[in-house]
Amino acid sequence: MAKNVEKLTQNPHALRDTPERNLEVAIGRVVRDLRKRQRMTVADLSVQTGISTGMLSKIENGVISPSLTTLQSLANALRVPLMQLFSGYAEPRGAMHVKADQGVEIERAGTRAGHQYHLLGHIGSNNSGVVVEPYMITLTTESDRFPMFQHEGIELLYMLEGVVGYRHGEQVYQLEPGDTLLFDADAPHGPVDLIALPARYLSIITYPQSK
């Protein structure tokens, strides 16, 4: 069991306010909330923006789609960045479900003969700025014993079956079922000792999105 584990500060169970899926309604709610926080009436906001009270009422109730010029006037009057007016909108978030044994078998750059790579999913462009690639890797008696990889990002290995000696930099780790290895993938790494075969492990690679 791991010792001296630092307390994690991020609460994975914390939920944000429920986002709105209708853009106009989302903008209206944010405008109303910001106005009330600043103790402004609709009339006060109308004076500062030059937008009629009737139009402001329609915006706050999400029944019209305001122009960018109108939104910029509201943001200026409410003293917030323009993008904050869109903060309550629920943008589509990517997800991919891959059924058992349906991962795409690929030949990944740098792969040696005998290594079976099954890509379990891929989410590219997203707001986190991070790409995640999960693979299921199978090594057999035909696998090359000395493949070394080096690429940007962070990689996590989770051993499912078999035993291998896995090199990272100058260190070799013996990985058995249930073991994990988390490392900076910019250092040379790869399985160098195939101790008990077949061997299967989950490899999750994360790296920045291309600019």
Foldseek 3Di string as FASTA:
>chain_A
DDPPDDDDPDDPPDDDPQADAQQQQLLLCLLVVLCVVVVHDLVRLCVQQVNDSVVNVCSNNSNDDDDPSSLVSSCVSSVHDSCSSRVRHDDDDDDDQADPPRFCWDDDPQADPQKTWGWGDWDADDPVQKIKTKIKIKHAPPGDQDRKAADAFKKKKAWQQAWFFKDFAHDTDIDHHGDMDIDGRRTIIDTRGRDTDGTIMMMMTMDGHDD
